[in-house]
N, C-alpha and C. Protein backbone atom coordinates (compact mmCIF):
# COMPACT_ATOMS: atom_id res chain seq x y z
N MET A 1 71.48 103.64 90.93
CA MET A 1 72.74 103.72 90.18
C MET A 1 72.49 104.22 88.75
N LEU A 2 71.46 103.63 88.09
CA LEU A 2 71.13 104.03 86.73
C LEU A 2 70.71 105.50 86.68
N SER A 3 69.96 105.92 87.70
CA SER A 3 69.51 107.32 87.76
C SER A 3 70.71 108.26 87.87
N THR A 4 71.70 107.88 88.67
CA THR A 4 72.90 108.71 88.84
C THR A 4 73.68 108.82 87.54
N ILE A 5 73.78 107.71 86.82
CA ILE A 5 74.49 107.71 85.54
C ILE A 5 73.78 108.62 84.54
N LYS A 6 72.45 108.51 84.46
CA LYS A 6 71.67 109.35 83.55
C LYS A 6 71.85 110.83 83.89
N GLN A 7 71.86 111.11 85.19
CA GLN A 7 72.03 112.50 85.64
C GLN A 7 73.40 113.04 85.24
N SER A 8 74.42 112.23 85.40
CA SER A 8 75.78 112.65 85.05
C SER A 8 75.93 112.87 83.55
N VAL A 9 75.34 111.99 82.76
CA VAL A 9 75.40 112.13 81.30
C VAL A 9 74.67 113.39 80.86
N ALA A 10 73.49 113.64 81.43
CA ALA A 10 72.72 114.83 81.08
C ALA A 10 73.48 116.10 81.43
N ALA A 11 74.14 116.09 82.60
CA ALA A 11 74.92 117.25 83.02
C ALA A 11 76.09 117.50 82.08
N ALA A 12 76.76 116.43 81.67
CA ALA A 12 77.89 116.56 80.74
C ALA A 12 77.43 117.13 79.40
N LEU A 13 76.27 116.69 78.93
CA LEU A 13 75.74 117.20 77.67
C LEU A 13 75.38 118.68 77.78
N ARG A 14 74.84 119.09 78.92
CA ARG A 14 74.50 120.50 79.10
C ARG A 14 75.75 121.36 79.14
N ARG A 15 76.80 120.88 79.81
CA ARG A 15 78.07 121.62 79.83
C ARG A 15 78.64 121.76 78.43
N MET A 16 78.59 120.67 77.67
CA MET A 16 79.09 120.69 76.30
C MET A 16 78.29 121.67 75.44
N ALA A 17 76.97 121.68 75.63
CA ALA A 17 76.12 122.59 74.85
C ALA A 17 76.46 124.04 75.13
N THR A 18 76.70 124.37 76.40
CA THR A 18 77.07 125.75 76.74
C THR A 18 78.39 126.13 76.09
N ARG A 19 79.38 125.23 76.11
CA ARG A 19 80.68 125.52 75.49
C ARG A 19 80.53 125.75 73.98
N VAL A 20 79.70 124.93 73.33
CA VAL A 20 79.49 125.07 71.89
C VAL A 20 78.83 126.41 71.58
N ARG A 21 77.84 126.79 72.38
CA ARG A 21 77.13 128.05 72.14
C ARG A 21 78.05 129.25 72.33
N LEU A 22 78.91 129.19 73.32
CA LEU A 22 79.86 130.28 73.53
C LEU A 22 80.89 130.32 72.41
N ALA A 23 81.28 129.17 71.91
CA ALA A 23 82.27 129.12 70.82
C ALA A 23 81.73 129.75 69.55
N ARG A 24 80.42 129.77 69.39
CA ARG A 24 79.80 130.35 68.20
C ARG A 24 79.65 131.87 68.30
N CYS A 25 80.00 132.42 69.43
CA CYS A 25 79.89 133.87 69.62
C CYS A 25 80.75 134.59 68.58
N ARG A 26 80.18 135.61 67.94
CA ARG A 26 80.89 136.37 66.90
C ARG A 26 81.25 137.74 67.45
N ALA A 27 82.47 137.86 67.94
CA ALA A 27 83.00 139.13 68.43
C ALA A 27 84.52 139.04 68.44
N PRO A 28 85.22 140.11 68.05
CA PRO A 28 86.68 140.07 68.04
C PRO A 28 87.28 139.73 69.40
N VAL A 29 86.67 140.25 70.47
CA VAL A 29 87.15 139.96 71.83
C VAL A 29 86.01 139.32 72.60
N ARG A 30 86.29 138.14 73.16
CA ARG A 30 85.27 137.41 73.93
C ARG A 30 85.88 137.01 75.26
N VAL A 31 85.25 137.42 76.35
CA VAL A 31 85.74 137.09 77.68
C VAL A 31 84.59 136.43 78.44
N PHE A 32 84.75 135.16 78.78
CA PHE A 32 83.70 134.43 79.45
C PHE A 32 84.19 133.93 80.80
N GLY A 33 83.41 134.18 81.85
CA GLY A 33 83.77 133.75 83.19
C GLY A 33 83.48 132.27 83.41
N ALA A 34 83.66 131.86 84.65
CA ALA A 34 83.46 130.46 85.03
C ALA A 34 82.00 130.19 85.37
N ASP A 35 81.60 128.93 85.22
CA ASP A 35 80.29 128.48 85.71
C ASP A 35 79.14 129.22 85.03
N LEU A 36 79.22 129.37 83.71
CA LEU A 36 78.15 130.05 82.97
C LEU A 36 77.13 129.04 82.47
N HIS A 37 75.91 129.54 82.26
CA HIS A 37 74.89 128.74 81.59
C HIS A 37 74.32 129.56 80.44
N VAL A 38 74.27 128.98 79.26
CA VAL A 38 73.69 129.64 78.09
C VAL A 38 72.62 128.72 77.52
N GLY A 39 71.38 129.21 77.46
CA GLY A 39 70.27 128.41 76.96
C GLY A 39 70.34 128.18 75.46
N SER A 40 69.35 127.47 74.95
CA SER A 40 69.34 127.09 73.54
C SER A 40 69.07 128.28 72.62
N ARG A 41 69.55 128.18 71.41
CA ARG A 41 69.33 129.13 70.31
C ARG A 41 69.69 130.57 70.67
N PRO A 42 70.87 130.80 71.23
CA PRO A 42 71.28 132.19 71.50
C PRO A 42 71.84 132.83 70.24
N ARG A 43 71.87 134.16 70.22
CA ARG A 43 72.59 134.91 69.18
C ARG A 43 73.53 135.85 69.89
N LEU A 44 74.83 135.61 69.75
CA LEU A 44 75.84 136.41 70.43
C LEU A 44 76.75 137.04 69.38
N TRP A 45 76.62 138.35 69.20
CA TRP A 45 77.36 139.05 68.15
C TRP A 45 77.68 140.47 68.61
N ALA A 46 78.87 140.94 68.27
CA ALA A 46 79.24 142.32 68.59
C ALA A 46 80.36 142.76 67.66
N THR A 47 80.48 144.06 67.45
CA THR A 47 81.55 144.58 66.59
C THR A 47 82.90 144.54 67.27
N GLU A 48 82.92 144.62 68.62
CA GLU A 48 84.19 144.71 69.32
C GLU A 48 84.35 143.70 70.45
N ARG A 49 83.39 143.64 71.37
CA ARG A 49 83.65 142.87 72.59
C ARG A 49 82.36 142.40 73.26
N ILE A 50 82.37 141.14 73.72
CA ILE A 50 81.33 140.60 74.60
C ILE A 50 82.03 140.02 75.81
N GLU A 51 81.62 140.46 76.97
CA GLU A 51 82.21 139.98 78.22
C GLU A 51 81.09 139.55 79.17
N ILE A 52 81.18 138.33 79.70
CA ILE A 52 80.17 137.80 80.62
C ILE A 52 80.89 137.27 81.85
N GLY A 53 80.47 137.72 83.03
CA GLY A 53 81.14 137.36 84.27
C GLY A 53 80.74 136.01 84.84
N ASP A 54 81.42 135.62 85.91
CA ASP A 54 81.22 134.32 86.55
C ASP A 54 79.78 134.11 87.01
N HIS A 55 79.35 132.86 86.94
CA HIS A 55 78.08 132.40 87.52
C HIS A 55 76.85 133.10 86.94
N SER A 56 76.94 133.58 85.73
CA SER A 56 75.79 134.23 85.11
C SER A 56 74.99 133.24 84.28
N TYR A 57 73.71 133.58 84.09
CA TYR A 57 72.76 132.68 83.42
C TYR A 57 72.09 133.43 82.28
N LEU A 58 72.17 132.89 81.08
CA LEU A 58 71.47 133.42 79.92
C LEU A 58 70.44 132.39 79.49
N GLY A 59 69.17 132.80 79.46
CA GLY A 59 68.10 131.87 79.13
C GLY A 59 68.03 131.52 77.66
N HIS A 60 66.96 130.82 77.28
CA HIS A 60 66.78 130.41 75.90
C HIS A 60 66.53 131.62 75.00
N GLU A 61 67.08 131.56 73.80
CA GLU A 61 66.86 132.56 72.75
C GLU A 61 67.24 133.98 73.17
N VAL A 62 68.25 134.08 74.01
CA VAL A 62 68.80 135.40 74.35
C VAL A 62 69.56 135.94 73.14
N SER A 63 69.39 137.22 72.87
CA SER A 63 70.04 137.84 71.71
C SER A 63 70.91 139.00 72.17
N ILE A 64 72.20 138.90 71.90
CA ILE A 64 73.14 139.99 72.17
C ILE A 64 73.68 140.45 70.82
N GLU A 65 73.35 141.68 70.44
CA GLU A 65 73.76 142.20 69.13
C GLU A 65 74.42 143.57 69.29
N THR A 66 75.19 143.72 70.36
CA THR A 66 75.92 144.96 70.59
C THR A 66 77.08 144.66 71.54
N ASN A 67 78.06 145.52 71.59
CA ASN A 67 79.13 145.36 72.56
C ASN A 67 78.53 145.39 73.96
N CYS A 68 79.06 144.56 74.85
CA CYS A 68 78.48 144.53 76.20
C CYS A 68 79.47 144.01 77.22
N ARG A 69 79.22 144.40 78.46
CA ARG A 69 79.93 143.84 79.60
C ARG A 69 78.89 143.44 80.63
N ILE A 70 78.77 142.14 80.86
CA ILE A 70 77.79 141.58 81.78
C ILE A 70 78.54 141.08 83.00
N GLY A 71 78.09 141.47 84.18
CA GLY A 71 78.81 141.17 85.41
C GLY A 71 78.60 139.75 85.92
N ARG A 72 78.87 139.58 87.21
CA ARG A 72 78.77 138.28 87.88
C ARG A 72 77.37 138.09 88.46
N HIS A 73 76.95 136.83 88.56
CA HIS A 73 75.67 136.48 89.18
C HIS A 73 74.49 137.14 88.48
N VAL A 74 74.58 137.36 87.19
CA VAL A 74 73.50 138.01 86.43
C VAL A 74 72.53 136.94 85.92
N LEU A 75 71.24 137.24 86.01
CA LEU A 75 70.19 136.35 85.53
C LEU A 75 69.45 137.03 84.39
N MET A 76 69.59 136.50 83.18
CA MET A 76 68.88 137.01 82.01
C MET A 76 67.88 135.96 81.57
N ALA A 77 66.60 136.28 81.66
CA ALA A 77 65.55 135.32 81.34
C ALA A 77 65.48 135.04 79.83
N ASN A 78 64.60 134.15 79.45
CA ASN A 78 64.44 133.80 78.04
C ASN A 78 64.08 135.03 77.21
N ARG A 79 64.61 135.07 76.00
CA ARG A 79 64.29 136.06 74.97
C ARG A 79 64.62 137.50 75.36
N VAL A 80 65.54 137.67 76.26
CA VAL A 80 66.08 139.01 76.53
C VAL A 80 66.95 139.42 75.34
N ALA A 81 66.94 140.70 75.00
CA ALA A 81 67.74 141.19 73.87
C ALA A 81 68.51 142.44 74.26
N LEU A 82 69.80 142.46 73.92
CA LEU A 82 70.63 143.65 74.02
C LEU A 82 70.94 144.07 72.59
N VAL A 83 70.45 145.24 72.18
CA VAL A 83 70.56 145.62 70.77
C VAL A 83 71.04 147.05 70.61
N GLY A 84 71.57 147.36 69.43
CA GLY A 84 72.04 148.71 69.14
C GLY A 84 70.89 149.65 68.85
N ARG A 85 71.04 150.89 69.28
CA ARG A 85 69.98 151.87 69.03
C ARG A 85 70.23 152.68 67.76
N ARG A 86 71.47 152.64 67.24
CA ARG A 86 71.79 153.37 66.01
C ARG A 86 72.67 152.50 65.11
N ASP A 87 72.20 151.31 64.81
CA ASP A 87 73.00 150.38 64.01
C ASP A 87 73.09 150.79 62.54
N HIS A 88 72.06 151.47 62.04
CA HIS A 88 72.00 151.81 60.62
C HIS A 88 71.92 153.33 60.44
N ASP A 89 72.63 153.82 59.44
CA ASP A 89 72.55 155.24 59.08
C ASP A 89 71.27 155.46 58.27
N PHE A 90 70.39 156.31 58.78
CA PHE A 90 69.12 156.54 58.10
C PHE A 90 68.95 158.00 57.66
N ARG A 91 70.03 158.79 57.72
CA ARG A 91 69.93 160.22 57.41
C ARG A 91 70.60 160.63 56.10
N THR A 92 71.31 159.73 55.43
CA THR A 92 71.97 160.10 54.18
C THR A 92 70.93 160.27 53.07
N PRO A 93 70.82 161.48 52.49
CA PRO A 93 69.82 161.70 51.44
C PRO A 93 70.03 160.78 50.24
N GLY A 94 68.94 160.24 49.73
CA GLY A 94 68.99 159.42 48.54
C GLY A 94 69.39 157.98 48.75
N VAL A 95 69.68 157.59 50.00
CA VAL A 95 70.09 156.21 50.28
C VAL A 95 69.03 155.53 51.15
N PRO A 96 68.37 154.47 50.64
CA PRO A 96 67.41 153.75 51.47
C PRO A 96 68.08 153.16 52.71
N VAL A 97 67.32 153.03 53.77
CA VAL A 97 67.87 152.47 55.01
C VAL A 97 68.52 151.11 54.76
N ARG A 98 67.91 150.31 53.92
CA ARG A 98 68.43 148.98 53.63
C ARG A 98 69.87 149.03 53.13
N PHE A 99 70.27 150.12 52.46
CA PHE A 99 71.60 150.22 51.88
C PHE A 99 72.48 151.24 52.62
N GLY A 100 72.01 151.72 53.74
CA GLY A 100 72.78 152.70 54.50
C GLY A 100 73.96 152.07 55.22
N HIS A 101 74.81 152.93 55.76
CA HIS A 101 75.96 152.45 56.53
C HIS A 101 75.47 151.64 57.73
N TRP A 102 76.17 150.54 58.00
CA TRP A 102 75.79 149.64 59.09
C TRP A 102 76.96 149.51 60.05
N VAL A 103 76.66 149.47 61.35
CA VAL A 103 77.70 149.47 62.37
C VAL A 103 78.62 148.25 62.25
N GLY A 104 78.12 147.16 61.68
CA GLY A 104 78.93 145.95 61.59
C GLY A 104 79.64 145.76 60.26
N SER A 105 79.58 146.77 59.39
CA SER A 105 80.16 146.63 58.06
C SER A 105 81.57 147.20 58.00
N GLU A 106 82.50 146.44 57.42
CA GLU A 106 83.85 146.95 57.19
C GLU A 106 83.90 147.76 55.90
N ARG A 107 83.03 147.44 54.97
CA ARG A 107 83.03 148.11 53.67
C ARG A 107 82.38 149.50 53.77
N THR A 108 81.24 149.57 54.46
CA THR A 108 80.55 150.86 54.62
C THR A 108 80.20 151.03 56.10
N PRO A 109 81.19 151.27 56.95
CA PRO A 109 80.93 151.36 58.40
C PRO A 109 80.04 152.54 58.75
N SER A 110 79.28 152.36 59.82
CA SER A 110 78.39 153.42 60.28
C SER A 110 79.19 154.54 60.93
N PRO A 111 78.76 155.80 60.76
CA PRO A 111 79.45 156.91 61.43
C PRO A 111 79.13 156.97 62.92
N TYR A 112 78.14 156.20 63.35
CA TYR A 112 77.75 156.23 64.75
C TYR A 112 78.64 155.32 65.59
N ARG A 113 78.84 155.72 66.81
CA ARG A 113 79.66 154.93 67.72
C ARG A 113 78.86 153.73 68.22
N ALA A 114 79.51 152.57 68.30
CA ALA A 114 78.86 151.35 68.79
C ALA A 114 78.98 151.30 70.31
N ASP A 115 78.11 152.04 71.00
CA ASP A 115 78.16 152.08 72.46
C ASP A 115 77.81 150.72 73.06
N ALA A 116 78.43 150.41 74.18
CA ALA A 116 78.21 149.12 74.83
C ALA A 116 77.07 149.18 75.85
N VAL A 117 76.48 148.04 76.10
CA VAL A 117 75.59 147.85 77.25
C VAL A 117 76.44 147.37 78.41
N VAL A 118 76.25 147.97 79.57
CA VAL A 118 76.94 147.53 80.78
C VAL A 118 75.89 147.05 81.78
N ILE A 119 76.00 145.80 82.20
CA ILE A 119 75.11 145.23 83.20
C ILE A 119 75.98 144.81 84.37
N GLU A 120 75.81 145.45 85.50
CA GLU A 120 76.66 145.15 86.65
C GLU A 120 76.23 143.86 87.34
N ASP A 121 76.92 143.51 88.42
CA ASP A 121 76.69 142.25 89.13
C ASP A 121 75.28 142.16 89.72
N ASP A 122 74.80 140.92 89.85
CA ASP A 122 73.59 140.63 90.63
C ASP A 122 72.35 141.31 90.06
N VAL A 123 72.24 141.35 88.73
CA VAL A 123 71.10 141.97 88.05
C VAL A 123 70.18 140.88 87.51
N TRP A 124 68.88 141.12 87.56
CA TRP A 124 67.88 140.22 86.98
C TRP A 124 67.15 140.97 85.87
N ILE A 125 67.20 140.43 84.66
CA ILE A 125 66.47 141.01 83.53
C ILE A 125 65.39 140.02 83.11
N GLY A 126 64.13 140.46 83.21
CA GLY A 126 62.99 139.57 83.00
C GLY A 126 62.72 139.21 81.55
N TYR A 127 61.84 138.26 81.38
CA TYR A 127 61.51 137.66 80.09
C TYR A 127 61.19 138.73 79.03
N GLY A 128 61.84 138.60 77.90
CA GLY A 128 61.51 139.43 76.75
C GLY A 128 61.89 140.90 76.86
N ALA A 129 62.65 141.28 77.87
CA ALA A 129 63.06 142.68 78.00
C ALA A 129 64.08 143.04 76.92
N LEU A 130 64.08 144.31 76.53
CA LEU A 130 64.99 144.80 75.50
C LEU A 130 65.80 145.95 76.09
N VAL A 131 67.12 145.83 76.00
CA VAL A 131 68.03 146.86 76.53
C VAL A 131 68.81 147.44 75.36
N LEU A 132 68.74 148.77 75.20
CA LEU A 132 69.40 149.43 74.08
C LEU A 132 70.86 149.74 74.39
N SER A 133 71.68 149.80 73.36
CA SER A 133 73.11 150.08 73.54
C SER A 133 73.31 151.44 74.21
N GLY A 134 74.39 151.52 74.98
CA GLY A 134 74.69 152.74 75.72
C GLY A 134 74.08 152.78 77.10
N VAL A 135 73.24 151.80 77.43
CA VAL A 135 72.57 151.76 78.74
C VAL A 135 73.48 151.12 79.78
N HIS A 136 73.46 151.66 80.99
CA HIS A 136 74.20 151.11 82.13
C HIS A 136 73.17 150.67 83.17
N VAL A 137 73.12 149.37 83.43
CA VAL A 137 72.21 148.82 84.43
C VAL A 137 73.01 148.59 85.71
N GLY A 138 72.67 149.32 86.76
CA GLY A 138 73.45 149.31 87.98
C GLY A 138 73.34 148.01 88.76
N ARG A 139 74.28 147.83 89.64
CA ARG A 139 74.39 146.63 90.47
C ARG A 139 73.07 146.34 91.20
N GLY A 140 72.65 145.09 91.16
CA GLY A 140 71.49 144.67 91.93
C GLY A 140 70.15 145.11 91.39
N ALA A 141 70.12 145.72 90.21
CA ALA A 141 68.85 146.21 89.65
C ALA A 141 68.02 145.05 89.11
N ILE A 142 66.72 145.33 88.91
CA ILE A 142 65.79 144.36 88.33
C ILE A 142 65.02 145.04 87.21
N VAL A 143 64.96 144.38 86.05
CA VAL A 143 64.21 144.88 84.90
C VAL A 143 63.02 143.96 84.67
N ALA A 144 61.81 144.51 84.74
CA ALA A 144 60.60 143.71 84.61
C ALA A 144 60.47 143.12 83.20
N ALA A 145 59.75 142.02 83.11
CA ALA A 145 59.54 141.35 81.83
C ALA A 145 58.90 142.30 80.82
N GLY A 146 59.36 142.21 79.57
CA GLY A 146 58.78 142.99 78.50
C GLY A 146 59.16 144.45 78.45
N SER A 147 60.05 144.88 79.31
CA SER A 147 60.44 146.30 79.36
C SER A 147 61.34 146.67 78.20
N VAL A 148 61.32 147.96 77.84
CA VAL A 148 62.26 148.51 76.87
C VAL A 148 63.10 149.55 77.61
N VAL A 149 64.38 149.23 77.79
CA VAL A 149 65.25 150.07 78.62
C VAL A 149 66.13 150.92 77.71
N LYS A 150 65.88 152.22 77.72
CA LYS A 150 66.68 153.13 76.89
C LYS A 150 67.49 154.11 77.71
N ASN A 151 67.29 154.12 79.04
CA ASN A 151 68.04 155.00 79.93
C ASN A 151 68.72 154.18 81.01
N ASP A 152 69.74 154.74 81.64
CA ASP A 152 70.47 154.05 82.70
C ASP A 152 69.53 153.68 83.85
N VAL A 153 69.85 152.56 84.51
CA VAL A 153 69.07 152.08 85.65
C VAL A 153 69.94 152.16 86.89
N PRO A 154 69.54 152.94 87.90
CA PRO A 154 70.34 153.04 89.13
C PRO A 154 70.43 151.70 89.86
N ALA A 155 71.47 151.56 90.65
CA ALA A 155 71.67 150.33 91.42
C ALA A 155 70.47 150.03 92.32
N TYR A 156 70.12 148.76 92.38
CA TYR A 156 69.06 148.24 93.26
C TYR A 156 67.69 148.86 92.99
N THR A 157 67.51 149.37 91.78
CA THR A 157 66.22 149.92 91.38
C THR A 157 65.47 148.91 90.52
N ILE A 158 64.15 148.83 90.69
CA ILE A 158 63.30 147.98 89.87
C ILE A 158 62.63 148.86 88.82
N VAL A 159 62.79 148.51 87.55
CA VAL A 159 62.19 149.30 86.48
C VAL A 159 61.28 148.42 85.63
N GLY A 160 60.32 149.07 84.96
CA GLY A 160 59.42 148.34 84.08
C GLY A 160 58.72 149.28 83.13
N GLY A 161 58.20 148.73 82.02
CA GLY A 161 57.43 149.51 81.07
C GLY A 161 58.19 149.84 79.81
N ASN A 162 57.51 150.58 78.93
CA ASN A 162 58.09 151.03 77.66
C ASN A 162 57.74 152.51 77.45
N PRO A 163 58.74 153.39 77.67
CA PRO A 163 60.10 153.10 78.12
C PRO A 163 60.12 152.75 79.61
N ALA A 164 61.12 152.01 80.02
CA ALA A 164 61.21 151.56 81.41
C ALA A 164 61.42 152.74 82.36
N VAL A 165 60.65 152.74 83.44
CA VAL A 165 60.78 153.75 84.49
C VAL A 165 60.85 153.04 85.84
N ALA A 166 61.32 153.76 86.85
CA ALA A 166 61.44 153.18 88.18
C ALA A 166 60.06 152.86 88.75
N ILE A 167 59.89 151.64 89.25
CA ILE A 167 58.63 151.24 89.87
C ILE A 167 58.83 150.73 91.29
N GLY A 168 60.07 150.70 91.76
CA GLY A 168 60.31 150.24 93.12
C GLY A 168 61.79 150.13 93.42
N LYS A 169 62.06 149.73 94.65
CA LYS A 169 63.43 149.49 95.11
C LYS A 169 63.55 148.05 95.60
N ARG A 170 64.69 147.44 95.34
CA ARG A 170 64.90 146.06 95.76
C ARG A 170 65.06 145.96 97.27
N TYR A 171 65.72 146.93 97.88
CA TYR A 171 65.88 146.96 99.33
C TYR A 171 65.44 148.32 99.85
N SER A 172 65.10 148.36 101.13
CA SER A 172 64.50 149.57 101.69
C SER A 172 65.51 150.66 102.03
N GLY A 173 66.79 150.31 102.17
CA GLY A 173 67.76 151.33 102.53
C GLY A 173 69.19 150.88 102.33
N SER A 174 70.12 151.80 102.57
CA SER A 174 71.54 151.53 102.32
C SER A 174 72.10 150.47 103.27
N ASP A 175 71.56 150.39 104.49
CA ASP A 175 72.05 149.37 105.42
C ASP A 175 71.75 147.96 104.91
N ASP A 176 70.54 147.78 104.36
CA ASP A 176 70.18 146.47 103.81
C ASP A 176 71.05 146.11 102.62
N ILE A 177 71.34 147.11 101.79
CA ILE A 177 72.20 146.88 100.62
C ILE A 177 73.61 146.50 101.06
N ALA A 178 74.15 147.22 102.03
CA ALA A 178 75.51 146.94 102.52
C ALA A 178 75.59 145.53 103.10
N ARG A 179 74.56 145.13 103.84
CA ARG A 179 74.54 143.79 104.43
C ARG A 179 74.48 142.73 103.33
N HIS A 180 73.64 142.94 102.35
CA HIS A 180 73.50 142.01 101.22
C HIS A 180 74.83 141.84 100.50
N GLU A 181 75.50 142.94 100.20
CA GLU A 181 76.76 142.87 99.45
C GLU A 181 77.87 142.22 100.28
N ALA A 182 77.89 142.50 101.58
CA ALA A 182 78.91 141.88 102.44
C ALA A 182 78.73 140.36 102.49
N MET A 183 77.48 139.91 102.55
CA MET A 183 77.21 138.48 102.60
C MET A 183 77.57 137.79 101.29
N ILE A 184 77.39 138.50 100.17
CA ILE A 184 77.79 137.93 98.88
C ILE A 184 79.31 137.82 98.80
N ARG A 185 80.01 138.87 99.22
CA ARG A 185 81.48 138.87 99.14
C ARG A 185 82.10 137.74 99.94
N SER A 186 81.53 137.42 101.08
CA SER A 186 82.11 136.39 101.94
C SER A 186 81.43 135.03 101.78
N GLY A 187 80.50 134.93 100.84
CA GLY A 187 79.77 133.68 100.64
C GLY A 187 80.35 132.83 99.53
N THR A 188 79.71 131.69 99.32
CA THR A 188 80.09 130.75 98.26
C THR A 188 78.85 130.42 97.45
N PHE A 189 78.94 130.62 96.14
CA PHE A 189 77.80 130.38 95.26
C PHE A 189 78.29 129.67 94.01
N GLN A 190 77.62 128.58 93.68
CA GLN A 190 78.02 127.82 92.50
C GLN A 190 76.81 127.08 91.96
N SER A 191 76.58 127.20 90.66
CA SER A 191 75.49 126.46 90.04
C SER A 191 76.01 125.10 89.59
N SER A 192 75.10 124.27 89.10
CA SER A 192 75.49 122.94 88.67
C SER A 192 74.61 122.50 87.51
N GLU A 193 75.20 121.92 86.50
CA GLU A 193 74.42 121.40 85.38
C GLU A 193 73.61 120.18 85.80
N LYS A 194 73.86 119.66 87.00
CA LYS A 194 73.08 118.53 87.50
C LYS A 194 71.69 118.95 87.97
N GLY A 195 71.50 120.26 88.16
CA GLY A 195 70.18 120.73 88.60
C GLY A 195 70.25 121.53 89.88
N PHE A 196 69.10 122.14 90.23
CA PHE A 196 69.05 123.04 91.38
C PHE A 196 69.42 122.34 92.69
N ASP A 197 69.13 121.06 92.81
CA ASP A 197 69.43 120.34 94.05
C ASP A 197 70.92 120.29 94.34
N HIS A 198 71.74 120.58 93.35
CA HIS A 198 73.19 120.51 93.51
C HIS A 198 73.83 121.89 93.59
N PHE A 199 73.02 122.94 93.58
CA PHE A 199 73.57 124.29 93.70
C PHE A 199 74.21 124.48 95.08
N ILE A 200 75.25 125.29 95.12
CA ILE A 200 75.83 125.72 96.39
C ILE A 200 75.40 127.16 96.62
N VAL A 201 74.59 127.38 97.64
CA VAL A 201 74.12 128.72 97.99
C VAL A 201 74.42 128.91 99.47
N ARG A 202 75.55 129.56 99.73
CA ARG A 202 76.04 129.67 101.10
C ARG A 202 76.42 131.13 101.38
N PRO A 203 75.44 131.96 101.78
CA PRO A 203 75.76 133.36 102.10
C PRO A 203 76.77 133.46 103.23
N GLY A 204 77.61 134.49 103.17
CA GLY A 204 78.60 134.70 104.21
C GLY A 204 78.04 135.51 105.36
N ASN A 205 78.92 136.00 106.19
CA ASN A 205 78.52 136.79 107.35
C ASN A 205 78.31 138.25 106.95
N PRO A 206 77.30 138.91 107.53
CA PRO A 206 77.06 140.33 107.20
C PRO A 206 78.15 141.23 107.76
């Protein structure tokens, strides 16, 4: 009985912590899906919009410093960063970079467009990976730990390195991908702040 009470209290505290971390997000438009988990010490900031889909997981010390749209069932490991590639104007003659136009400044806005990062559904981004603004990570892709992603990642492709390049495929062919997606669409998936033993992982029919 005591163990159950402790478990329930711990789960409630974790839910509260996630809500507080999301509330601290600094972006004019914030869209957060259901059943999210956000680890400790995140930095969530954007000039326009941050969107995170249902059932996604952001690990400890994740840093989002650009506009982004993150899909459903996305797994972002600890210390993943989504950052701008042209946040500061460094080409104006006579102006040090420190004092140049900045993408987040209303007083001296940057002339560069604040392109968004798009991460589609069912993507895994490994520990410490860095994704630059303007990148589109396709559905089902995997980004290896420590990678620097500056180009788009095709769906169900595994990439790694600096700069990140294709190193494999998640599935062997289109039939396997179609079966995987059909089972997700008809399945039931739900995480729980009580721990992995309480997760609902129920794939549907292919």
